C-alpha atoms as a PDB file:
ATOM      1  CA  UNK A   1       0.000   0.000   0.000  1.00  0.00           C
ATOM      2  CA  UNK A   2       1.335   3.435  -0.952  1.00  0.00           C
ATOM      3  CA  UNK A   3       1.944   6.044   1.740  1.00  0.00           C
ATOM      4  CA  UNK A   4      -0.984   8.296   0.774  1.00  0.00           C
ATOM      5  CA  UNK A   5      -3.457   5.404   0.855  1.00  0.00           C
ATOM      6  CA  UNK A   6      -2.007   4.201   4.174  1.00  0.00           C
ATOM      7  CA  UNK A   7      -2.407   7.633   5.785  1.00  0.00           C
ATOM      8  CA  UNK A   8      -6.029   7.989   4.641  1.00  0.00           C
ATOM      9  CA  UNK A   9      -6.773   4.477   5.892  1.00  0.00           C
ATOM     10  CA  UNK A  10      -5.159   5.231   9.265  1.00  0.00           C
ATOM     11  CA  UNK A  11      -7.182   8.436   9.610  1.00  0.00           C
ATOM     12  CA  UNK A  12     -10.422   6.586   8.843  1.00  0.00           C
ATOM     13  CA  UNK A  13      -9.474   3.889  11.362  1.00  0.00           C
ATOM     14  CA  UNK A  14      -8.763   6.269  14.245  1.00  0.00           C
ATOM     15  CA  UNK A  15     -11.872   8.382  13.690  1.00  0.00           C
ATOM     16  CA  UNK A  16     -13.955   5.254  13.175  1.00  0.00           C
ATOM     17  CA  UNK A  17     -12.838   4.016  16.585  1.00  0.00           C
ATOM     18  CA  UNK A  18     -14.204   7.119  18.294  1.00  0.00           C
ATOM     19  CA  UNK A  19     -17.439   6.711  16.328  1.00  0.00           C
ATOM     20  CA  UNK A  20     -17.661   3.112  17.489  1.00  0.00           C
ATOM     21  CA  UNK A  21     -17.492   4.150  21.129  1.00  0.00           C
ATOM     22  CA  UNK A  22     -20.163   6.807  20.570  1.00  0.00           C
ATOM     23  CA  UNK A  23     -22.443   4.050  19.307  1.00  0.00           C
ATOM     24  CA  UNK A  24     -21.847   2.178  22.561  1.00  0.00           C
ATOM     25  CA  UNK A  25     -22.744   5.352  24.468  1.00  0.00           C
ATOM     26  CA  UNK A  26     -26.020   5.562  22.533  1.00  0.00           C
ATOM     27  CA  UNK A  27     -26.723   1.899  23.256  1.00  0.00           C
ATOM     28  CA  UNK A  28     -25.951   2.277  26.988  1.00  0.00           C
ATOM     29  CA  UNK A  29     -28.180   5.336  27.295  1.00  0.00           C
ATOM     30  CA  UNK A  30     -30.989   3.581  25.416  1.00  0.00           C
ATOM     31  CA  UNK A  31     -31.223   6.261  22.751  1.00  0.00           C
ATOM     32  CA  UNK A  32     -32.644   5.908  19.260  1.00  0.00           C
ATOM     33  CA  UNK A  33     -30.205   4.082  16.991  1.00  0.00           C
ATOM     34  CA  UNK A  34     -31.978   5.355  13.882  1.00  0.00           C
ATOM     35  CA  UNK A  35     -32.042   8.981  15.054  1.00  0.00           C
ATOM     36  CA  UNK A  36     -28.306   9.010  15.685  1.00  0.00           C
ATOM     37  CA  UNK A  37     -27.842   7.361  12.289  1.00  0.00           C
ATOM     38  CA  UNK A  38     -29.742  10.264  10.723  1.00  0.00           C
ATOM     39  CA  UNK A  39     -27.228  12.703  12.225  1.00  0.00           C
ATOM     40  CA  UNK A  40     -24.376  10.437  11.147  1.00  0.00           C
ATOM     41  CA  UNK A  41     -25.442  10.474   7.493  1.00  0.00           C
ATOM     42  CA  UNK A  42     -26.781  14.024   7.293  1.00  0.00           C
ATOM     43  CA  UNK A  43     -23.348  15.472   8.154  1.00  0.00           C
ATOM     44  CA  UNK A  44     -21.314  14.050   5.240  1.00  0.00           C
ATOM     45  CA  UNK A  45     -24.352  14.047   2.948  1.00  0.00           C
ATOM     46  CA  UNK A  46     -24.979  17.787   3.266  1.00  0.00           C
ATOM     47  CA  UNK A  47     -21.254  18.610   3.249  1.00  0.00           C
ATOM     48  CA  UNK A  48     -20.765  16.639   0.024  1.00  0.00           C
ATOM     49  CA  UNK A  49     -23.709  18.322  -1.692  1.00  0.00           C
ATOM     50  CA  UNK A  50     -22.407  21.772  -0.689  1.00  0.00           C
ATOM     51  CA  UNK A  51     -18.971  21.259  -2.282  1.00  0.00           C
ATOM     52  CA  UNK A  52     -20.197  19.117  -5.204  1.00  0.00           C
ATOM     53  CA  UNK A  53     -20.720  22.101  -7.588  1.00  0.00           C
ATOM     54  CA  UNK A  54     -16.968  22.790  -7.397  1.00  0.00           C
ATOM     55  CA  UNK A  55     -16.145  19.244  -8.533  1.00  0.00           C
ATOM     56  CA  UNK A  56     -18.952  18.506 -10.970  1.00  0.00           C
ATOM     57  CA  UNK A  57     -21.198  15.518 -11.617  1.00  0.00           C
ATOM     58  CA  UNK A  58     -19.533  12.376 -13.029  1.00  0.00           C
ATOM     59  CA  UNK A  59     -20.317  11.299 -16.593  1.00  0.00           C
ATOM     60  CA  UNK A  60     -21.635   7.910 -15.454  1.00  0.00           C
ATOM     61  CA  UNK A  61     -23.728   9.490 -12.721  1.00  0.00           C
ATOM     62  CA  UNK A  62     -26.731   7.181 -13.224  1.00  0.00           C
ATOM     63  CA  UNK A  63     -24.688   4.085 -12.349  1.00  0.00           C
ATOM     64  CA  UNK A  64     -23.051   5.812  -9.389  1.00  0.00           C
ATOM     65  CA  UNK A  65     -26.483   6.905  -8.119  1.00  0.00           C
ATOM     66  CA  UNK A  66     -27.731   3.315  -8.334  1.00  0.00           C
ATOM     67  CA  UNK A  67     -24.847   1.908  -6.295  1.00  0.00           C
ATOM     68  CA  UNK A  68     -24.779   4.914  -3.957  1.00  0.00           C
ATOM     69  CA  UNK A  69     -28.464   4.708  -3.037  1.00  0.00           C
ATOM     70  CA  UNK A  70     -28.347   0.944  -2.574  1.00  0.00           C
ATOM     71  CA  UNK A  71     -25.177   1.046  -0.467  1.00  0.00           C
ATOM     72  CA  UNK A  72     -26.492   3.938   1.625  1.00  0.00           C
ATOM     73  CA  UNK A  73     -29.779   2.219   2.479  1.00  0.00           C
ATOM     74  CA  UNK A  74     -28.060  -1.066   3.334  1.00  0.00           C
ATOM     75  CA  UNK A  75     -25.482   0.701   5.515  1.00  0.00           C
ATOM     76  CA  UNK A  76     -28.201   2.602   7.372  1.00  0.00           C
ATOM     77  CA  UNK A  77     -29.971  -0.656   8.190  1.00  0.00           C
ATOM     78  CA  UNK A  78     -26.698  -2.303   9.196  1.00  0.00           C
ATOM     79  CA  UNK A  79     -25.678   0.584  11.447  1.00  0.00           C
ATOM     80  CA  UNK A  80     -29.101   0.603  13.110  1.00  0.00           C
ATOM     81  CA  UNK A  81     -28.807  -3.133  13.814  1.00  0.00           C
ATOM     82  CA  UNK A  82     -25.267  -2.647  15.170  1.00  0.00           C
ATOM     83  CA  UNK A  83     -26.377  -0.218  17.869  1.00  0.00           C
ATOM     84  CA  UNK A  84     -29.373  -2.415  18.684  1.00  0.00           C
ATOM     85  CA  UNK A  85     -26.962  -5.319  19.100  1.00  0.00           C
ATOM     86  CA  UNK A  86     -24.732  -3.288  21.418  1.00  0.00           C
ATOM     87  CA  UNK A  87     -27.750  -2.829  23.675  1.00  0.00           C
ATOM     88  CA  UNK A  88     -27.685  -6.563  24.372  1.00  0.00           C
ATOM     89  CA  UNK A  89     -24.012  -7.619  24.362  1.00  0.00           C
ATOM     90  CA  UNK A  90     -20.688  -6.069  25.392  1.00  0.00           C
ATOM     91  CA  UNK A  91     -18.326  -4.319  22.987  1.00  0.00           C
ATOM     92  CA  UNK A  92     -15.644  -6.887  23.876  1.00  0.00           C
ATOM     93  CA  UNK A  93     -17.828  -9.562  22.257  1.00  0.00           C
ATOM     94  CA  UNK A  94     -19.543  -7.550  19.534  1.00  0.00           C
ATOM     95  CA  UNK A  95     -16.650  -5.768  17.833  1.00  0.00           C
ATOM     96  CA  UNK A  96     -14.143  -8.646  17.499  1.00  0.00           C
ATOM     97  CA  UNK A  97     -16.823 -10.862  15.943  1.00  0.00           C
ATOM     98  CA  UNK A  98     -18.102  -8.057  13.742  1.00  0.00           C
ATOM     99  CA  UNK A  99     -14.661  -7.095  12.525  1.00  0.00           C
ATOM    100  CA  UNK A 100     -13.548 -10.613  11.743  1.00  0.00           C
ATOM    101  CA  UNK A 101     -16.583 -11.771   9.789  1.00  0.00           C
ATOM    102  CA  UNK A 102     -17.030  -8.346   8.139  1.00  0.00           C
ATOM    103  CA  UNK A 103     -13.639  -8.467   6.383  1.00  0.00           C
ATOM    104  CA  UNK A 104     -14.310 -12.103   5.435  1.00  0.00           C
ATOM    105  CA  UNK A 105     -17.509 -11.088   3.662  1.00  0.00           C
ATOM    106  CA  UNK A 106     -15.848  -8.073   2.042  1.00  0.00           C
ATOM    107  CA  UNK A 107     -12.969 -10.271   0.916  1.00  0.00           C
ATOM    108  CA  UNK A 108     -15.434 -12.722  -0.645  1.00  0.00           C
ATOM    109  CA  UNK A 109     -17.213  -9.847  -2.387  1.00  0.00           C
ATOM    110  CA  UNK A 110     -13.896  -8.429  -3.608  1.00  0.00           C
ATOM    111  CA  UNK A 111     -12.992 -11.788  -5.149  1.00  0.00           C
ATOM    112  CA  UNK A 112     -16.402 -12.326  -6.773  1.00  0.00           C
ATOM    113  CA  UNK A 113     -17.239  -8.822  -7.977  1.00  0.00           C
ATOM    114  CA  UNK A 114     -13.899  -6.998  -8.172  1.00  0.00           C
ATOM    115  CA  UNK A 115     -11.594  -9.803  -9.289  1.00  0.00           C
ATOM    116  CA  UNK A 116      -9.239  -9.547  -6.305  1.00  0.00           C
ATOM    117  CA  UNK A 117      -7.355 -12.736  -5.403  1.00  0.00           C
ATOM    118  CA  UNK A 118      -6.977 -14.786  -2.213  1.00  0.00           C
ATOM    119  CA  UNK A 119      -3.462 -15.627  -0.977  1.00  0.00           C
ATOM    120  CA  UNK A 120      -2.256 -18.461   1.215  1.00  0.00           C
ATOM    121  CA  UNK A 121      -1.897 -16.135   4.206  1.00  0.00           C
ATOM    122  CA  UNK A 122      -5.446 -14.894   3.699  1.00  0.00           C
ATOM    123  CA  UNK A 123      -6.672 -18.488   3.803  1.00  0.00           C
ATOM    124  CA  UNK A 124      -4.827 -18.861   7.117  1.00  0.00           C
ATOM    125  CA  UNK A 125      -6.576 -15.695   8.304  1.00  0.00           C
ATOM    126  CA  UNK A 126      -9.926 -17.262   7.426  1.00  0.00           C
ATOM    127  CA  UNK A 127      -9.050 -20.328   9.500  1.00  0.00           C
ATOM    128  CA  UNK A 128      -7.938 -18.191  12.464  1.00  0.00           C
ATOM    129  CA  UNK A 129     -11.085 -16.082  12.336  1.00  0.00           C
ATOM    130  CA  UNK A 130     -13.214 -19.166  12.911  1.00  0.00           C
ATOM    131  CA  UNK A 131     -11.619 -19.580  16.357  1.00  0.00           C
ATOM    132  CA  UNK A 132     -12.687 -16.118  17.556  1.00  0.00           C
ATOM    133  CA  UNK A 133     -16.334 -17.051  18.343  1.00  0.00           C
ATOM    134  CA  UNK A 134     -15.100 -20.119  20.243  1.00  0.00           C
ATOM    135  CA  UNK A 135     -13.019 -17.870  22.495  1.00  0.00           C
ATOM    136  CA  UNK A 136     -15.694 -15.232  23.032  1.00  0.00           C
ATOM    137  CA  UNK A 137     -18.917 -17.176  23.383  1.00  0.00           C
ATOM    138  CA  UNK A 138     -19.318 -19.455  26.391  1.00  0.00           C
ATOM    139  CA  UNK A 139     -22.167 -20.571  28.645  1.00  0.00           C
ATOM    140  CA  UNK A 140     -21.186 -18.000  31.281  1.00  0.00           C
ATOM    141  CA  UNK A 141     -21.929 -15.162  28.853  1.00  0.00           C
ATOM    142  CA  UNK A 142     -25.617 -16.136  28.812  1.00  0.00           C
ATOM    143  CA  UNK A 143     -25.913 -14.761  32.352  1.00  0.00           C
ATOM    144  CA  UNK A 144     -23.454 -11.884  31.971  1.00  0.00           C
ATOM    145  CA  UNK A 145     -24.975 -10.342  28.829  1.00  0.00           C
ATOM    146  CA  UNK A 146     -28.349  -8.625  28.653  1.00  0.00           C
ATOM    147  CA  UNK A 147     -29.550 -10.974  25.874  1.00  0.00           C
ATOM    148  CA  UNK A 148     -26.723 -12.912  24.218  1.00  0.00           C
ATOM    149  CA  UNK A 149     -28.732 -14.733  21.548  1.00  0.00           C
ATOM    150  CA  UNK A 150     -30.623 -11.591  20.495  1.00  0.00           C
ATOM    151  CA  UNK A 151     -27.395  -9.584  20.394  1.00  0.00           C
ATOM    152  CA  UNK A 152     -25.717 -12.203  18.187  1.00  0.00           C
ATOM    153  CA  UNK A 153     -28.641 -12.123  15.743  1.00  0.00           C
ATOM    154  CA  UNK A 154     -28.306  -8.337  15.449  1.00  0.00           C
ATOM    155  CA  UNK A 155     -24.549  -8.774  15.085  1.00  0.00           C
ATOM    156  CA  UNK A 156     -24.860 -11.246  12.208  1.00  0.00           C
ATOM    157  CA  UNK A 157     -27.437  -9.157  10.337  1.00  0.00           C
ATOM    158  CA  UNK A 158     -25.483  -5.922  10.831  1.00  0.00           C
ATOM    159  CA  UNK A 159     -22.257  -7.502   9.599  1.00  0.00           C
ATOM    160  CA  UNK A 160     -23.891  -8.736   6.381  1.00  0.00           C
ATOM    161  CA  UNK A 161     -25.613  -5.433   5.583  1.00  0.00           C
ATOM    162  CA  UNK A 162     -22.493  -3.313   6.182  1.00  0.00           C
ATOM    163  CA  UNK A 163     -20.217  -5.691   4.238  1.00  0.00           C
ATOM    164  CA  UNK A 164     -22.525  -5.710   1.197  1.00  0.00           C
ATOM    165  CA  UNK A 165     -22.829  -1.923   1.413  1.00  0.00           C
ATOM    166  CA  UNK A 166     -19.030  -1.563   1.422  1.00  0.00           C
ATOM    167  CA  UNK A 167     -18.618  -3.727  -1.671  1.00  0.00           C
ATOM    168  CA  UNK A 168     -21.341  -1.777  -3.510  1.00  0.00           C
ATOM    169  CA  UNK A 169     -19.611   1.502  -2.612  1.00  0.00           C
ATOM    170  CA  UNK A 170     -16.329   0.270  -4.060  1.00  0.00           C
ATOM    171  CA  UNK A 171     -18.076  -0.932  -7.229  1.00  0.00           C
ATOM    172  CA  UNK A 172     -19.678   2.505  -7.615  1.00  0.00           C
ATOM    173  CA  UNK A 173     -16.346   4.281  -7.101  1.00  0.00           C
ATOM    174  CA  UNK A 174     -14.796   2.043  -9.769  1.00  0.00           C
ATOM    175  CA  UNK A 175     -17.153   3.587 -12.327  1.00  0.00           C
ATOM    176  CA  UNK A 176     -16.096   7.081 -11.280  1.00  0.00           C
ATOM    177  CA  UNK A 177     -13.821   8.252  -8.453  1.00  0.00           C
ATOM    178  CA  UNK A 178     -16.010  11.276  -7.663  1.00  0.00           C
ATOM    179  CA  UNK A 179     -15.878  10.925  -3.884  1.00  0.00           C
ATOM    180  CA  UNK A 180     -18.187  13.838  -3.079  1.00  0.00           C
ATOM    181  CA  UNK A 181     -20.861  12.645  -5.506  1.00  0.00           C
ATOM    182  CA  UNK A 182     -20.838   9.143  -4.003  1.00  0.00           C
ATOM    183  CA  UNK A 183     -20.846  10.620  -0.486  1.00  0.00           C
ATOM    184  CA  UNK A 184     -23.775  12.886  -1.267  1.00  0.00           C
ATOM    185  CA  UNK A 185     -25.890  10.167  -2.867  1.00  0.00           C
ATOM    186  CA  UNK A 186     -25.140   7.331  -0.444  1.00  0.00           C
ATOM    187  CA  UNK A 187     -25.389   9.412   2.730  1.00  0.00           C
ATOM    188  CA  UNK A 188     -28.630  11.140   1.806  1.00  0.00           C
ATOM    189  CA  UNK A 189     -30.088   7.727   0.949  1.00  0.00           C
ATOM    190  CA  UNK A 190     -28.883   6.450   4.330  1.00  0.00           C
ATOM    191  CA  UNK A 191     -30.346   9.532   6.053  1.00  0.00           C
ATOM    192  CA  UNK A 192     -33.737   8.890   4.444  1.00  0.00           C
ATOM    193  CA  UNK A 193     -33.671   5.229   5.466  1.00  0.00           C
ATOM    194  CA  UNK A 194     -32.665   6.098   9.053  1.00  0.00           C
ATOM    195  CA  UNK A 195     -35.430   8.660   9.412  1.00  0.00           C
ATOM    196  CA  UNK A 196     -37.948   6.148   8.080  1.00  0.00           C
ATOM    197  CA  UNK A 197     -36.796   3.616  10.702  1.00  0.00           C
ATOM    198  CA  UNK A 198     -36.896   6.290  13.426  1.00  0.00           C
ATOM    199  CA  UNK A 199     -40.417   7.415  12.541  1.00  0.00           C
ATOM    200  CA  UNK A 200     -41.593   3.800  12.484  1.00  0.00           C
ATOM    201  CA  UNK A 201     -39.997   3.001  15.858  1.00  0.00           C
ATOM    202  CA  UNK A 202     -41.295   6.285  17.313  1.00  0.00           C
ATOM    203  CA  UNK A 203     -44.866   5.250  16.560  1.00  0.00           C
ATOM    204  CA  UNK A 204     -44.317   1.896  18.299  1.00  0.00           C
ATOM    205  CA  UNK A 205     -42.561   3.097  21.483  1.00  0.00           C
ATOM    206  CA  UNK A 206     -43.200   6.189  23.535  1.00  0.00           C
ATOM    207  CA  UNK A 207     -39.671   6.401  24.974  1.00  0.00           C
ATOM    208  CA  UNK A 208     -37.831   6.737  21.653  1.00  0.00           C
ATOM    209  CA  UNK A 209     -35.432   9.687  21.659  1.00  0.00           C
ATOM    210  CA  UNK A 210     -36.575  12.768  19.755  1.00  0.00           C
ATOM    211  CA  UNK A 211     -34.994  15.826  18.194  1.00  0.00           C
ATOM    212  CA  UNK A 212     -36.136  17.921  21.152  1.00  0.00           C
ATOM    213  CA  UNK A 213     -33.711  16.332  23.600  1.00  0.00           C
ATOM    214  CA  UNK A 214     -30.491  18.271  24.094  1.00  0.00           C
ATOM    215  CA  UNK A 215     -28.417  15.151  24.711  1.00  0.00           C
ATOM    216  CA  UNK A 216     -29.463  13.714  21.330  1.00  0.00           C
ATOM    217  CA  UNK A 217     -28.335  16.910  19.629  1.00  0.00           C
ATOM    218  CA  UNK A 218     -24.988  16.916  21.444  1.00  0.00           C
ATOM    219  CA  UNK A 219     -24.151  13.340  20.508  1.00  0.00           C
ATOM    220  CA  UNK A 220     -25.715  13.760  17.065  1.00  0.00           C
ATOM    221  CA  UNK A 221     -23.700  16.822  16.078  1.00  0.00           C
ATOM    222  CA  UNK A 222     -20.471  15.215  17.305  1.00  0.00           C
ATOM    223  CA  UNK A 223     -21.359  12.088  15.329  1.00  0.00           C
ATOM    224  CA  UNK A 224     -22.034  14.150  12.192  1.00  0.00           C
ATOM    225  CA  UNK A 225     -18.677  15.973  12.396  1.00  0.00           C
ATOM    226  CA  UNK A 226     -16.740  12.763  12.956  1.00  0.00           C
ATOM    227  CA  UNK A 227     -18.672  11.060  10.168  1.00  0.00           C
ATOM    228  CA  UNK A 228     -17.664  13.707   7.621  1.00  0.00           C
ATOM    229  CA  UNK A 229     -13.968  13.188   8.351  1.00  0.00           C
ATOM    230  CA  UNK A 230     -14.188   9.394   8.693  1.00  0.00           C
ATOM    231  CA  UNK A 231     -16.222   8.790   5.539  1.00  0.00           C
ATOM    232  CA  UNK A 232     -14.135  11.061   3.324  1.00  0.00           C
ATOM    233  CA  UNK A 233     -10.945   9.416   4.586  1.00  0.00           C
ATOM    234  CA  UNK A 234     -12.350   5.930   3.952  1.00  0.00           C
ATOM    235  CA  UNK A 235     -13.676   6.762   0.475  1.00  0.00           C
ATOM    236  CA  UNK A 236     -10.370   8.426  -0.417  1.00  0.00           C
ATOM    237  CA  UNK A 237      -8.445   5.342   0.708  1.00  0.00           C
ATOM    238  CA  UNK A 238     -10.777   3.106  -1.317  1.00  0.00           C
ATOM    239  CA  UNK A 239      -9.968   5.040  -4.484  1.00  0.00           C
ATOM    240  CA  UNK A 240      -6.229   4.598  -3.877  1.00  0.00           C
ATOM    241  CA  UNK A 241      -5.966   0.939  -2.818  1.00  0.00           C
ATOM    242  CA  UNK A 242      -7.690  -2.445  -2.982  1.00  0.00           C
ATOM    243  CA  UNK A 243     -10.926  -2.717  -1.028  1.00  0.00           C
ATOM    244  CA  UNK A 244      -9.865  -5.868   0.834  1.00  0.00           C
ATOM    245  CA  UNK A 245      -6.681  -4.133   1.990  1.00  0.00           C
ATOM    246  CA  UNK A 246      -8.372  -0.911   3.121  1.00  0.00           C
ATOM    247  CA  UNK A 247     -11.296  -2.608   4.843  1.00  0.00           C
ATOM    248  CA  UNK A 248      -9.219  -5.082   6.816  1.00  0.00           C
ATOM    249  CA  UNK A 249      -6.853  -2.388   8.085  1.00  0.00           C
ATOM    250  CA  UNK A 250      -9.828  -0.176   8.912  1.00  0.00           C
ATOM    251  CA  UNK A 251     -11.304  -3.053  10.945  1.00  0.00           C
ATOM    252  CA  UNK A 252      -8.617  -2.462  13.577  1.00  0.00           C
ATOM    253  CA  UNK A 253     -10.612   0.514  14.850  1.00  0.00           C
ATOM    254  CA  UNK A 254     -12.405  -1.929  17.165  1.00  0.00           C
ATOM    255  CA  UNK A 255      -9.579  -1.622  19.692  1.00  0.00           C
ATOM    256  CA  UNK A 256     -10.660   1.930  20.572  1.00  0.00           C
ATOM    257  CA  UNK A 257     -14.309   1.235  21.554  1.00  0.00           C
ATOM    258  CA  UNK A 258     -13.286  -1.986  23.321  1.00  0.00           C
ATOM    259  CA  UNK A 259     -10.730  -0.199  25.543  1.00  0.00           C
ATOM    260  CA  UNK A 260     -13.044   2.748  26.192  1.00  0.00           C
ATOM    261  CA  UNK A 261     -16.023   0.485  26.988  1.00  0.00           C
ATOM    262  CA  UNK A 262     -14.003  -1.550  29.495  1.00  0.00           C
ATOM    263  CA  UNK A 263     -12.650   1.633  31.094  1.00  0.00           C
ATOM    264  CA  UNK A 264     -15.799   3.779  30.993  1.00  0.00           C
ATOM    265  CA  UNK A 265     -18.542   1.202  31.534  1.00  0.00           C
ATOM    266  CA  UNK A 266     -16.599  -1.497  33.356  1.00  0.00           C
ATOM    267  CA  UNK A 267     -17.449  -4.196  30.817  1.00  0.00           C
ATOM    268  CA  UNK A 268     -16.237  -7.662  31.701  1.00  0.00           C
ATOM    269  CA  UNK A 269     -12.771  -8.550  30.420  1.00  0.00           C
ATOM    270  CA  UNK A 270     -10.645 -11.643  31.011  1.00  0.00           C
ATOM    271  CA  UNK A 271      -7.674 -13.439  29.479  1.00  0.00           C
ATOM    272  CA  UNK A 272      -9.934 -15.415  27.143  1.00  0.00           C
ATOM    273  CA  UNK A 273     -11.506 -12.260  25.710  1.00  0.00           C
ATOM    274  CA  UNK A 274      -8.140 -10.528  25.420  1.00  0.00           C
ATOM    275  CA  UNK A 275      -6.861 -13.553  23.514  1.00  0.00           C
ATOM    276  CA  UNK A 276      -9.894 -13.346  21.228  1.00  0.00           C
ATOM    277  CA  UNK A 277      -9.070  -9.706  20.429  1.00  0.00           C
ATOM    278  CA  UNK A 278      -5.443 -10.623  19.699  1.00  0.00           C
ATOM    279  CA  UNK A 279      -6.501 -13.520  17.463  1.00  0.00           C
ATOM    280  CA  UNK A 280      -8.997 -11.324  15.631  1.00  0.00           C
ATOM    281  CA  UNK A 281      -6.295  -8.736  14.939  1.00  0.00           C
ATOM    282  CA  UNK A 282      -3.946 -11.474  13.730  1.00  0.00           C
ATOM    283  CA  UNK A 283      -6.675 -12.860  11.484  1.00  0.00           C
ATOM    284  CA  UNK A 284      -7.423  -9.414  10.093  1.00  0.00           C
ATOM    285  CA  UNK A 285      -3.716  -8.838   9.474  1.00  0.00           C
ATOM    286  CA  UNK A 286      -3.447 -12.108   7.547  1.00  0.00           C
ATOM    287  CA  UNK A 287      -6.514 -11.222   5.508  1.00  0.00           C
ATOM    288  CA  UNK A 288      -4.774  -8.099   4.201  1.00  0.00           C
END
């Protein structure tokens, strides 16, 4: 990986880690996952549309719009399910599993749709990744977690939606590297999907967070600002390097929310879980 691509990937990874912890904060406080998602997508979506006139619309804009809308909607659903999952299981369990199987799915999509190849070391990474659930999930977690089985269902669904969204984004950027156009289309589509989910959930539950609450605005605005920087950095890296390489390096952001969740919320940690994190990082490294 060239230096410029590496720096953009590192920036996306660090900022993504802070975003990951904010999602845990939202989950712990029982706030609306969809509402925070709306803030998360509105920030980069509006910013991209504001600067887009200075960069122009790509020639193949129809194709980019198709992939951008589809990827945005799928990511919005996946992000919503991620926060819902974090309401039921600890970050120490959620993120290592999510960021092992996510790169596996992205790697499979890269091979099938983008023609990227699988090396011997990557095959070893696949084998190592299978051991992570065995280290993290045990009978004792049934009593320690809020709802282990429900959290794992949300985890699996979220991982699939986000992985497919990532592959579709890369396919769209292959047609044209107009980052701001893809950001504008995908994020506004994600914003629309998130608001639809929020409105639906708001009609079903009376305690769903609303725009009138100051705390939602504080976390939402911070999320929006971080999202602008994180998404641009990630999209920029994706235009400069292979998707499988960028995504697997980016997956290392999980260390930040794991450490902060253990420190801030006192989540359970033991040698077995620490080993699972180490193995997941090793697996991700081999998948590069």
